Amino acid sequence: MIIVSDTSPVSNLILIRRLDILQKLFSEIIVPPAVDTEIRALKQFGIDLSEYENAEWIKISHPINLQKVQMLLTKLDAGEAQAIVLALETNCDLLLMDERIGTNVARQEGLQTIGLVGVLIKAKENGIIKEVREILSDLKQQAGFWLGEKLEKQILENLNEI
């Protein structure tokens, strides 16, 4: 399974020290250089990136179609644009992306996307985590992750965690 990721799913899991969820679920993740740069920028805020920096299962790959990247930069940031182009070029199975505009563009390009909440649901279904509720709480408190109350309640009800 080929998985390409944008910045936020990886960085949010780094912030709560649960990057292992991605490894256990997907075994290998590909990120473009702009995403790697955005993640490494967390160091300037005192964030420990050793788990990320030592993750041999995270590969950095450059998108080839720079013209397409430039076109996408008119509506997306560099990480999102490179991730979408890389996902198209690798014919990936899933693109990990949380941002709404980027996700919409990716889907218009024919890509299958999943956000961090979807990753957590998949992790629970696969027995990698016991509860989504606790991780969502950590994400909100430690990473500033935003999820609407109504949606969160619906997700937790669907997972029988309420």
N, C-alpha and C. Protein backbone atom coordinates (compact mmCIF):
# COMPACT_ATOMS: atom_id res chain seq x y z
N MET A 1 0.84 -1.18 0.00
CA MET A 1 0.00 0.00 0.00
C MET A 1 0.89 1.24 0.00
N ILE A 2 0.60 2.16 -0.93
CA ILE A 2 1.40 3.39 -1.03
C ILE A 2 0.61 4.52 -0.38
N ILE A 3 1.24 5.17 0.61
CA ILE A 3 0.61 6.25 1.37
C ILE A 3 1.49 7.49 1.26
N VAL A 4 0.88 8.61 0.85
CA VAL A 4 1.56 9.90 0.82
C VAL A 4 0.89 10.76 1.88
N SER A 5 1.68 11.56 2.59
CA SER A 5 1.10 12.39 3.65
C SER A 5 1.46 13.86 3.50
N ASP A 6 0.50 14.68 3.85
CA ASP A 6 0.70 16.12 4.03
C ASP A 6 1.24 16.30 5.46
N THR A 7 1.48 17.50 5.85
CA THR A 7 2.12 17.80 7.12
C THR A 7 1.28 17.49 8.35
N SER A 8 0.05 17.96 8.40
CA SER A 8 -0.69 17.94 9.66
C SER A 8 -0.93 16.56 10.27
N PRO A 9 -1.27 15.51 9.51
CA PRO A 9 -1.45 14.21 10.18
C PRO A 9 -0.17 13.74 10.90
N VAL A 10 0.96 13.96 10.27
CA VAL A 10 2.24 13.54 10.86
C VAL A 10 2.60 14.45 12.03
N SER A 11 2.54 15.75 11.83
CA SER A 11 2.97 16.68 12.89
C SER A 11 2.06 16.59 14.12
N ASN A 12 0.76 16.42 13.91
CA ASN A 12 -0.14 16.30 15.06
C ASN A 12 0.17 15.05 15.88
N LEU A 13 0.48 13.96 15.22
CA LEU A 13 0.84 12.73 15.95
C LEU A 13 2.20 12.87 16.64
N ILE A 14 3.11 13.61 16.04
CA ILE A 14 4.39 13.89 16.69
C ILE A 14 4.15 14.65 17.99
N LEU A 15 3.27 15.64 17.94
CA LEU A 15 3.01 16.48 19.11
C LEU A 15 2.44 15.70 20.28
N ILE A 16 1.74 14.60 20.01
CA ILE A 16 1.20 13.79 21.12
C ILE A 16 2.00 12.49 21.30
N ARG A 17 3.12 12.40 20.62
CA ARG A 17 4.03 11.25 20.72
C ARG A 17 3.35 9.93 20.35
N ARG A 18 2.57 9.95 19.25
CA ARG A 18 1.88 8.75 18.79
C ARG A 18 2.09 8.51 17.29
N LEU A 19 3.26 8.87 16.80
CA LEU A 19 3.60 8.64 15.40
C LEU A 19 3.55 7.15 15.07
N ASP A 20 3.70 6.32 16.10
CA ASP A 20 3.66 4.87 15.92
C ASP A 20 2.36 4.39 15.29
N ILE A 21 1.28 5.14 15.46
CA ILE A 21 0.00 4.74 14.88
C ILE A 21 0.12 4.64 13.36
N LEU A 22 0.77 5.62 12.75
CA LEU A 22 0.94 5.59 11.29
C LEU A 22 1.79 4.41 10.85
N GLN A 23 2.85 4.14 11.58
CA GLN A 23 3.73 3.02 11.22
C GLN A 23 2.99 1.69 11.32
N LYS A 24 2.25 1.50 12.41
CA LYS A 24 1.53 0.24 12.61
C LYS A 24 0.41 0.06 11.59
N LEU A 25 -0.20 1.16 11.18
CA LEU A 25 -1.32 1.09 10.25
C LEU A 25 -0.87 0.95 8.80
N PHE A 26 0.18 1.68 8.42
CA PHE A 26 0.56 1.74 7.01
C PHE A 26 1.95 1.19 6.69
N SER A 27 2.79 0.99 7.65
CA SER A 27 4.17 0.49 7.53
C SER A 27 5.14 1.42 6.79
N GLU A 28 4.66 2.17 5.80
CA GLU A 28 5.55 3.14 5.15
C GLU A 28 4.74 4.34 4.68
N ILE A 29 5.30 5.52 4.87
CA ILE A 29 4.67 6.77 4.47
C ILE A 29 5.67 7.54 3.61
N ILE A 30 5.17 8.18 2.57
CA ILE A 30 6.01 9.01 1.71
C ILE A 30 5.61 10.47 1.92
N VAL A 31 6.58 11.33 2.13
CA VAL A 31 6.31 12.76 2.25
C VAL A 31 7.19 13.51 1.25
N PRO A 32 6.66 14.59 0.67
CA PRO A 32 7.48 15.42 -0.21
C PRO A 32 8.38 16.34 0.62
N PRO A 33 9.39 16.95 -0.02
CA PRO A 33 10.34 17.82 0.70
C PRO A 33 9.68 18.97 1.46
N ALA A 34 8.65 19.60 0.90
CA ALA A 34 8.01 20.72 1.60
C ALA A 34 7.37 20.26 2.90
N VAL A 35 6.80 19.07 2.91
CA VAL A 35 6.20 18.52 4.13
C VAL A 35 7.29 18.23 5.15
N ASP A 36 8.37 17.64 4.70
CA ASP A 36 9.50 17.36 5.59
C ASP A 36 10.01 18.67 6.22
N THR A 37 10.13 19.70 5.42
CA THR A 37 10.60 21.01 5.92
C THR A 37 9.63 21.57 6.96
N GLU A 38 8.32 21.48 6.66
CA GLU A 38 7.31 21.99 7.59
C GLU A 38 7.35 21.22 8.92
N ILE A 39 7.54 19.92 8.85
CA ILE A 39 7.61 19.11 10.07
C ILE A 39 8.87 19.47 10.86
N ARG A 40 10.00 19.57 10.18
CA ARG A 40 11.27 19.90 10.85
C ARG A 40 11.26 21.30 11.46
N ALA A 41 10.40 22.17 10.96
CA ALA A 41 10.28 23.53 11.51
C ALA A 41 9.74 23.50 12.94
N LEU A 42 9.13 22.40 13.34
CA LEU A 42 8.62 22.27 14.72
C LEU A 42 9.76 22.33 15.74
N LYS A 43 10.97 21.99 15.29
CA LYS A 43 12.14 22.02 16.18
C LYS A 43 12.35 23.41 16.79
N GLN A 44 12.07 24.45 16.00
CA GLN A 44 12.29 25.81 16.49
C GLN A 44 11.35 26.16 17.64
N PHE A 45 10.32 25.34 17.87
CA PHE A 45 9.41 25.54 18.99
C PHE A 45 9.71 24.58 20.14
N GLY A 46 10.88 23.92 20.05
CA GLY A 46 11.31 23.03 21.11
C GLY A 46 10.68 21.64 21.06
N ILE A 47 10.08 21.30 19.94
CA ILE A 47 9.44 19.99 19.80
C ILE A 47 10.50 18.93 19.52
N ASP A 48 10.45 17.83 20.23
CA ASP A 48 11.37 16.72 20.03
C ASP A 48 10.96 15.96 18.77
N LEU A 49 11.81 15.98 17.77
CA LEU A 49 11.52 15.31 16.51
C LEU A 49 12.29 14.00 16.33
N SER A 50 12.89 13.50 17.38
CA SER A 50 13.72 12.30 17.24
C SER A 50 12.93 11.11 16.69
N GLU A 51 11.69 10.97 17.12
CA GLU A 51 10.87 9.86 16.61
C GLU A 51 10.69 9.97 15.09
N TYR A 52 10.47 11.19 14.61
CA TYR A 52 10.33 11.44 13.17
C TYR A 52 11.66 11.26 12.45
N GLU A 53 12.68 11.88 12.99
CA GLU A 53 14.00 11.84 12.34
C GLU A 53 14.59 10.43 12.26
N ASN A 54 14.22 9.58 13.19
CA ASN A 54 14.73 8.20 13.20
C ASN A 54 13.79 7.20 12.53
N ALA A 55 12.69 7.69 11.99
CA ALA A 55 11.69 6.80 11.39
C ALA A 55 12.12 6.41 9.97
N GLU A 56 12.76 5.26 9.86
CA GLU A 56 13.20 4.78 8.55
C GLU A 56 12.02 4.44 7.64
N TRP A 57 10.84 4.30 8.20
CA TRP A 57 9.64 3.97 7.45
C TRP A 57 8.99 5.20 6.82
N ILE A 58 9.52 6.40 7.11
CA ILE A 58 9.05 7.62 6.45
C ILE A 58 10.09 7.98 5.39
N LYS A 59 9.64 8.00 4.15
CA LYS A 59 10.52 8.27 3.01
C LYS A 59 10.21 9.65 2.44
N ILE A 60 11.25 10.34 2.04
CA ILE A 60 11.09 11.64 1.39
C ILE A 60 11.28 11.44 -0.10
N SER A 61 10.31 11.91 -0.87
CA SER A 61 10.38 11.76 -2.32
C SER A 61 9.95 13.07 -2.98
N HIS A 62 10.65 13.42 -4.04
CA HIS A 62 10.39 14.68 -4.75
C HIS A 62 9.35 14.48 -5.85
N PRO A 63 8.36 15.36 -5.93
CA PRO A 63 7.46 15.29 -7.07
C PRO A 63 8.22 15.68 -8.34
N ILE A 64 7.85 15.09 -9.46
CA ILE A 64 8.55 15.35 -10.71
C ILE A 64 7.90 16.51 -11.48
N ASN A 65 6.58 16.54 -11.50
CA ASN A 65 5.86 17.54 -12.28
C ASN A 65 5.79 18.88 -11.54
N LEU A 66 6.88 19.64 -11.65
CA LEU A 66 6.95 20.91 -10.94
C LEU A 66 5.99 21.95 -11.50
N GLN A 67 5.62 21.80 -12.76
CA GLN A 67 4.65 22.70 -13.37
C GLN A 67 3.28 22.53 -12.69
N LYS A 68 2.92 21.30 -12.42
CA LYS A 68 1.65 21.01 -11.72
C LYS A 68 1.72 21.54 -10.28
N VAL A 69 2.87 21.37 -9.64
CA VAL A 69 3.05 21.91 -8.29
C VAL A 69 2.82 23.42 -8.31
N GLN A 70 3.45 24.11 -9.27
CA GLN A 70 3.30 25.57 -9.37
C GLN A 70 1.85 25.97 -9.58
N MET A 71 1.13 25.21 -10.40
CA MET A 71 -0.28 25.50 -10.65
C MET A 71 -1.09 25.37 -9.35
N LEU A 72 -0.81 24.32 -8.58
CA LEU A 72 -1.55 24.10 -7.33
C LEU A 72 -1.20 25.13 -6.26
N LEU A 73 0.00 25.71 -6.36
CA LEU A 73 0.42 26.72 -5.38
C LEU A 73 -0.43 27.98 -5.43
N THR A 74 -1.24 28.14 -6.47
CA THR A 74 -2.13 29.31 -6.54
C THR A 74 -3.26 29.19 -5.52
N LYS A 75 -3.56 27.95 -5.07
CA LYS A 75 -4.65 27.79 -4.09
C LYS A 75 -4.25 27.01 -2.83
N LEU A 76 -3.05 26.41 -2.84
CA LEU A 76 -2.63 25.57 -1.71
C LEU A 76 -1.25 25.97 -1.24
N ASP A 77 -0.87 25.51 -0.03
CA ASP A 77 0.49 25.75 0.42
C ASP A 77 1.43 24.72 -0.23
N ALA A 78 2.72 24.90 -0.05
CA ALA A 78 3.72 24.06 -0.73
C ALA A 78 3.60 22.59 -0.34
N GLY A 79 3.37 22.31 0.94
CA GLY A 79 3.25 20.93 1.39
C GLY A 79 2.08 20.23 0.74
N GLU A 80 0.93 20.90 0.73
CA GLU A 80 -0.27 20.32 0.12
C GLU A 80 -0.08 20.10 -1.38
N ALA A 81 0.46 21.12 -2.06
CA ALA A 81 0.66 21.02 -3.51
C ALA A 81 1.61 19.88 -3.86
N GLN A 82 2.74 19.81 -3.16
CA GLN A 82 3.70 18.73 -3.44
C GLN A 82 3.12 17.37 -3.09
N ALA A 83 2.38 17.29 -2.00
CA ALA A 83 1.80 16.01 -1.59
C ALA A 83 0.81 15.51 -2.64
N ILE A 84 -0.02 16.40 -3.16
CA ILE A 84 -1.01 16.00 -4.18
C ILE A 84 -0.31 15.52 -5.44
N VAL A 85 0.69 16.27 -5.90
CA VAL A 85 1.40 15.87 -7.13
C VAL A 85 2.14 14.55 -6.91
N LEU A 86 2.78 14.41 -5.77
CA LEU A 86 3.48 13.17 -5.45
C LEU A 86 2.50 11.99 -5.37
N ALA A 87 1.34 12.23 -4.77
CA ALA A 87 0.31 11.18 -4.68
C ALA A 87 -0.13 10.75 -6.08
N LEU A 88 -0.31 11.71 -6.97
CA LEU A 88 -0.70 11.39 -8.35
C LEU A 88 0.40 10.60 -9.06
N GLU A 89 1.64 11.03 -8.87
CA GLU A 89 2.77 10.39 -9.56
C GLU A 89 3.06 8.98 -9.06
N THR A 90 2.81 8.74 -7.78
CA THR A 90 3.08 7.41 -7.21
C THR A 90 1.88 6.49 -7.33
N ASN A 91 0.76 7.07 -7.81
CA ASN A 91 -0.49 6.30 -7.89
C ASN A 91 -0.81 5.70 -6.51
N CYS A 92 -0.71 6.55 -5.50
CA CYS A 92 -0.86 6.09 -4.12
C CYS A 92 -2.26 5.56 -3.83
N ASP A 93 -2.34 4.75 -2.80
CA ASP A 93 -3.62 4.21 -2.35
C ASP A 93 -4.39 5.23 -1.52
N LEU A 94 -3.65 6.03 -0.74
CA LEU A 94 -4.28 7.03 0.13
C LEU A 94 -3.38 8.25 0.28
N LEU A 95 -4.02 9.41 0.32
CA LEU A 95 -3.33 10.65 0.65
C LEU A 95 -3.83 11.10 2.01
N LEU A 96 -2.93 11.23 2.98
CA LEU A 96 -3.29 11.70 4.31
C LEU A 96 -3.28 13.23 4.30
N MET A 97 -4.45 13.83 4.51
CA MET A 97 -4.55 15.28 4.46
C MET A 97 -5.77 15.72 5.25
N ASP A 98 -5.60 16.74 6.08
CA ASP A 98 -6.70 17.25 6.88
C ASP A 98 -7.34 18.52 6.33
N GLU A 99 -6.58 19.36 5.67
CA GLU A 99 -7.08 20.66 5.23
C GLU A 99 -8.18 20.48 4.17
N ARG A 100 -9.27 21.19 4.38
CA ARG A 100 -10.45 21.04 3.53
C ARG A 100 -10.19 21.38 2.07
N ILE A 101 -9.58 22.53 1.80
CA ILE A 101 -9.36 22.93 0.41
C ILE A 101 -8.43 21.94 -0.28
N GLY A 102 -7.34 21.56 0.39
CA GLY A 102 -6.42 20.59 -0.18
C GLY A 102 -7.08 19.25 -0.45
N THR A 103 -7.91 18.82 0.49
CA THR A 103 -8.63 17.56 0.33
C THR A 103 -9.58 17.63 -0.87
N ASN A 104 -10.28 18.75 -1.01
CA ASN A 104 -11.19 18.91 -2.15
C ASN A 104 -10.44 18.87 -3.47
N VAL A 105 -9.30 19.56 -3.53
CA VAL A 105 -8.48 19.56 -4.75
C VAL A 105 -7.99 18.14 -5.04
N ALA A 106 -7.52 17.45 -4.01
CA ALA A 106 -7.02 16.08 -4.19
C ALA A 106 -8.12 15.16 -4.74
N ARG A 107 -9.31 15.29 -4.19
CA ARG A 107 -10.42 14.45 -4.65
C ARG A 107 -10.82 14.79 -6.08
N GLN A 108 -10.75 16.08 -6.44
CA GLN A 108 -11.02 16.49 -7.82
C GLN A 108 -10.00 15.87 -8.78
N GLU A 109 -8.81 15.63 -8.27
CA GLU A 109 -7.75 15.00 -9.07
C GLU A 109 -7.89 13.47 -9.09
N GLY A 110 -8.90 12.97 -8.38
CA GLY A 110 -9.17 11.53 -8.39
C GLY A 110 -8.46 10.74 -7.30
N LEU A 111 -7.92 11.45 -6.31
CA LEU A 111 -7.19 10.78 -5.22
C LEU A 111 -8.13 10.37 -4.09
N GLN A 112 -7.82 9.26 -3.45
CA GLN A 112 -8.50 8.83 -2.24
C GLN A 112 -7.81 9.52 -1.08
N THR A 113 -8.57 10.18 -0.22
CA THR A 113 -7.97 10.89 0.91
C THR A 113 -8.52 10.36 2.23
N ILE A 114 -7.74 10.59 3.26
CA ILE A 114 -8.18 10.27 4.62
C ILE A 114 -7.53 11.30 5.54
N GLY A 115 -8.31 11.76 6.50
CA GLY A 115 -7.79 12.71 7.48
C GLY A 115 -7.34 11.99 8.73
N LEU A 116 -6.84 12.73 9.67
CA LEU A 116 -6.31 12.13 10.90
C LEU A 116 -7.40 11.40 11.68
N VAL A 117 -8.60 11.94 11.72
CA VAL A 117 -9.68 11.26 12.42
C VAL A 117 -9.97 9.91 11.74
N GLY A 118 -9.98 9.91 10.42
CA GLY A 118 -10.16 8.66 9.68
C GLY A 118 -9.06 7.65 9.97
N VAL A 119 -7.84 8.15 10.13
CA VAL A 119 -6.71 7.29 10.48
C VAL A 119 -6.95 6.67 11.86
N LEU A 120 -7.42 7.48 12.80
CA LEU A 120 -7.68 6.97 14.16
C LEU A 120 -8.79 5.91 14.15
N ILE A 121 -9.82 6.15 13.37
CA ILE A 121 -10.91 5.17 13.27
C ILE A 121 -10.38 3.86 12.69
N LYS A 122 -9.58 3.97 11.64
CA LYS A 122 -8.97 2.78 11.01
C LYS A 122 -8.06 2.06 12.01
N ALA A 123 -7.32 2.83 12.79
CA ALA A 123 -6.41 2.24 13.79
C ALA A 123 -7.21 1.47 14.85
N LYS A 124 -8.34 2.02 15.24
CA LYS A 124 -9.17 1.32 16.22
C LYS A 124 -9.74 0.04 15.61
N GLU A 125 -10.24 0.14 14.38
CA GLU A 125 -10.81 -1.02 13.69
C GLU A 125 -9.78 -2.14 13.54
N ASN A 126 -8.51 -1.76 13.41
CA ASN A 126 -7.43 -2.73 13.24
C ASN A 126 -6.78 -3.15 14.56
N GLY A 127 -7.32 -2.69 15.68
CA GLY A 127 -6.81 -3.08 16.99
C GLY A 127 -5.49 -2.43 17.37
N ILE A 128 -5.12 -1.36 16.69
CA ILE A 128 -3.86 -0.66 16.97
C ILE A 128 -4.02 0.24 18.19
N ILE A 129 -5.19 0.84 18.32
CA ILE A 129 -5.51 1.65 19.50
C ILE A 129 -6.81 1.11 20.09
N LYS A 130 -6.99 1.35 21.39
CA LYS A 130 -8.20 0.87 22.06
C LYS A 130 -9.34 1.87 21.94
N GLU A 131 -8.99 3.16 22.07
CA GLU A 131 -10.01 4.21 22.06
C GLU A 131 -9.56 5.40 21.23
N VAL A 132 -10.48 5.92 20.45
CA VAL A 132 -10.23 7.14 19.70
C VAL A 132 -10.39 8.35 20.61
N ARG A 133 -11.30 8.26 21.58
CA ARG A 133 -11.62 9.39 22.46
C ARG A 133 -10.38 9.96 23.15
N GLU A 134 -9.57 9.10 23.72
CA GLU A 134 -8.38 9.55 24.46
C GLU A 134 -7.38 10.25 23.53
N ILE A 135 -7.19 9.72 22.35
CA ILE A 135 -6.25 10.32 21.41
C ILE A 135 -6.79 11.64 20.89
N LEU A 136 -8.09 11.71 20.62
CA LEU A 136 -8.70 12.99 20.21
C LEU A 136 -8.51 14.03 21.30
N SER A 137 -8.68 13.63 22.54
CA SER A 137 -8.50 14.55 23.66
C SER A 137 -7.06 15.07 23.70
N ASP A 138 -6.10 14.15 23.55
CA ASP A 138 -4.67 14.55 23.51
C ASP A 138 -4.41 15.50 22.35
N LEU A 139 -4.97 15.20 21.19
CA LEU A 139 -4.77 16.04 20.01
C LEU A 139 -5.31 17.45 20.25
N LYS A 140 -6.48 17.54 20.86
CA LYS A 140 -7.07 18.84 21.12
C LYS A 140 -6.27 19.62 22.16
N GLN A 141 -5.87 18.96 23.24
CA GLN A 141 -5.17 19.64 24.33
C GLN A 141 -3.71 19.95 24.01
N GLN A 142 -3.01 19.01 23.38
CA GLN A 142 -1.56 19.16 23.18
C GLN A 142 -1.17 19.69 21.81
N ALA A 143 -2.02 19.43 20.80
CA ALA A 143 -1.65 19.83 19.44
C ALA A 143 -2.54 20.94 18.89
N GLY A 144 -3.57 21.33 19.65
CA GLY A 144 -4.47 22.36 19.16
C GLY A 144 -5.34 21.88 18.01
N PHE A 145 -5.54 20.58 17.91
CA PHE A 145 -6.35 19.97 16.85
C PHE A 145 -7.80 20.41 17.04
N TRP A 146 -8.44 20.80 15.95
CA TRP A 146 -9.82 21.26 16.04
C TRP A 146 -10.75 20.24 15.40
N LEU A 147 -11.80 19.93 16.11
CA LEU A 147 -12.85 19.04 15.61
C LEU A 147 -14.15 19.54 16.21
N GLY A 148 -15.14 19.79 15.37
CA GLY A 148 -16.42 20.28 15.84
C GLY A 148 -17.04 19.32 16.86
N GLU A 149 -17.68 19.90 17.88
CA GLU A 149 -18.27 19.09 18.95
C GLU A 149 -19.28 18.08 18.42
N LYS A 150 -20.14 18.54 17.52
CA LYS A 150 -21.19 17.69 16.97
C LYS A 150 -20.58 16.50 16.23
N LEU A 151 -19.57 16.77 15.41
CA LEU A 151 -18.91 15.71 14.65
C LEU A 151 -18.18 14.75 15.58
N GLU A 152 -17.49 15.30 16.58
CA GLU A 152 -16.79 14.45 17.54
C GLU A 152 -17.76 13.52 18.26
N LYS A 153 -18.88 14.07 18.69
CA LYS A 153 -19.88 13.26 19.39
C LYS A 153 -20.40 12.14 18.48
N GLN A 154 -20.67 12.49 17.23
CA GLN A 154 -21.17 11.51 16.27
C GLN A 154 -20.14 10.39 16.04
N ILE A 155 -18.89 10.77 15.89
CA ILE A 155 -17.81 9.78 15.68
C ILE A 155 -17.71 8.85 16.89
N LEU A 156 -17.68 9.44 18.08
CA LEU A 156 -17.55 8.62 19.30
C LEU A 156 -18.77 7.74 19.52
N GLU A 157 -19.94 8.22 19.17
CA GLU A 157 -21.15 7.38 19.26
C GLU A 157 -21.05 6.20 18.29
N ASN A 158 -20.62 6.48 17.05
CA ASN A 158 -20.47 5.42 16.05
C ASN A 158 -19.47 4.35 16.47
N LEU A 159 -18.48 4.78 17.27
CA LEU A 159 -17.44 3.86 17.74
C LEU A 159 -17.79 3.25 19.10
N ASN A 160 -18.99 3.53 19.59
CA ASN A 160 -19.44 3.05 20.91
C ASN A 160 -18.52 3.49 22.04
N GLU A 161 -18.07 4.74 21.97
CA GLU A 161 -17.20 5.29 23.01
C GLU A 161 -17.93 6.33 23.85
N ILE A 162 -19.23 6.45 23.65
CA ILE A 162 -20.03 7.35 24.48
C ILE A 162 -21.12 6.53 25.14
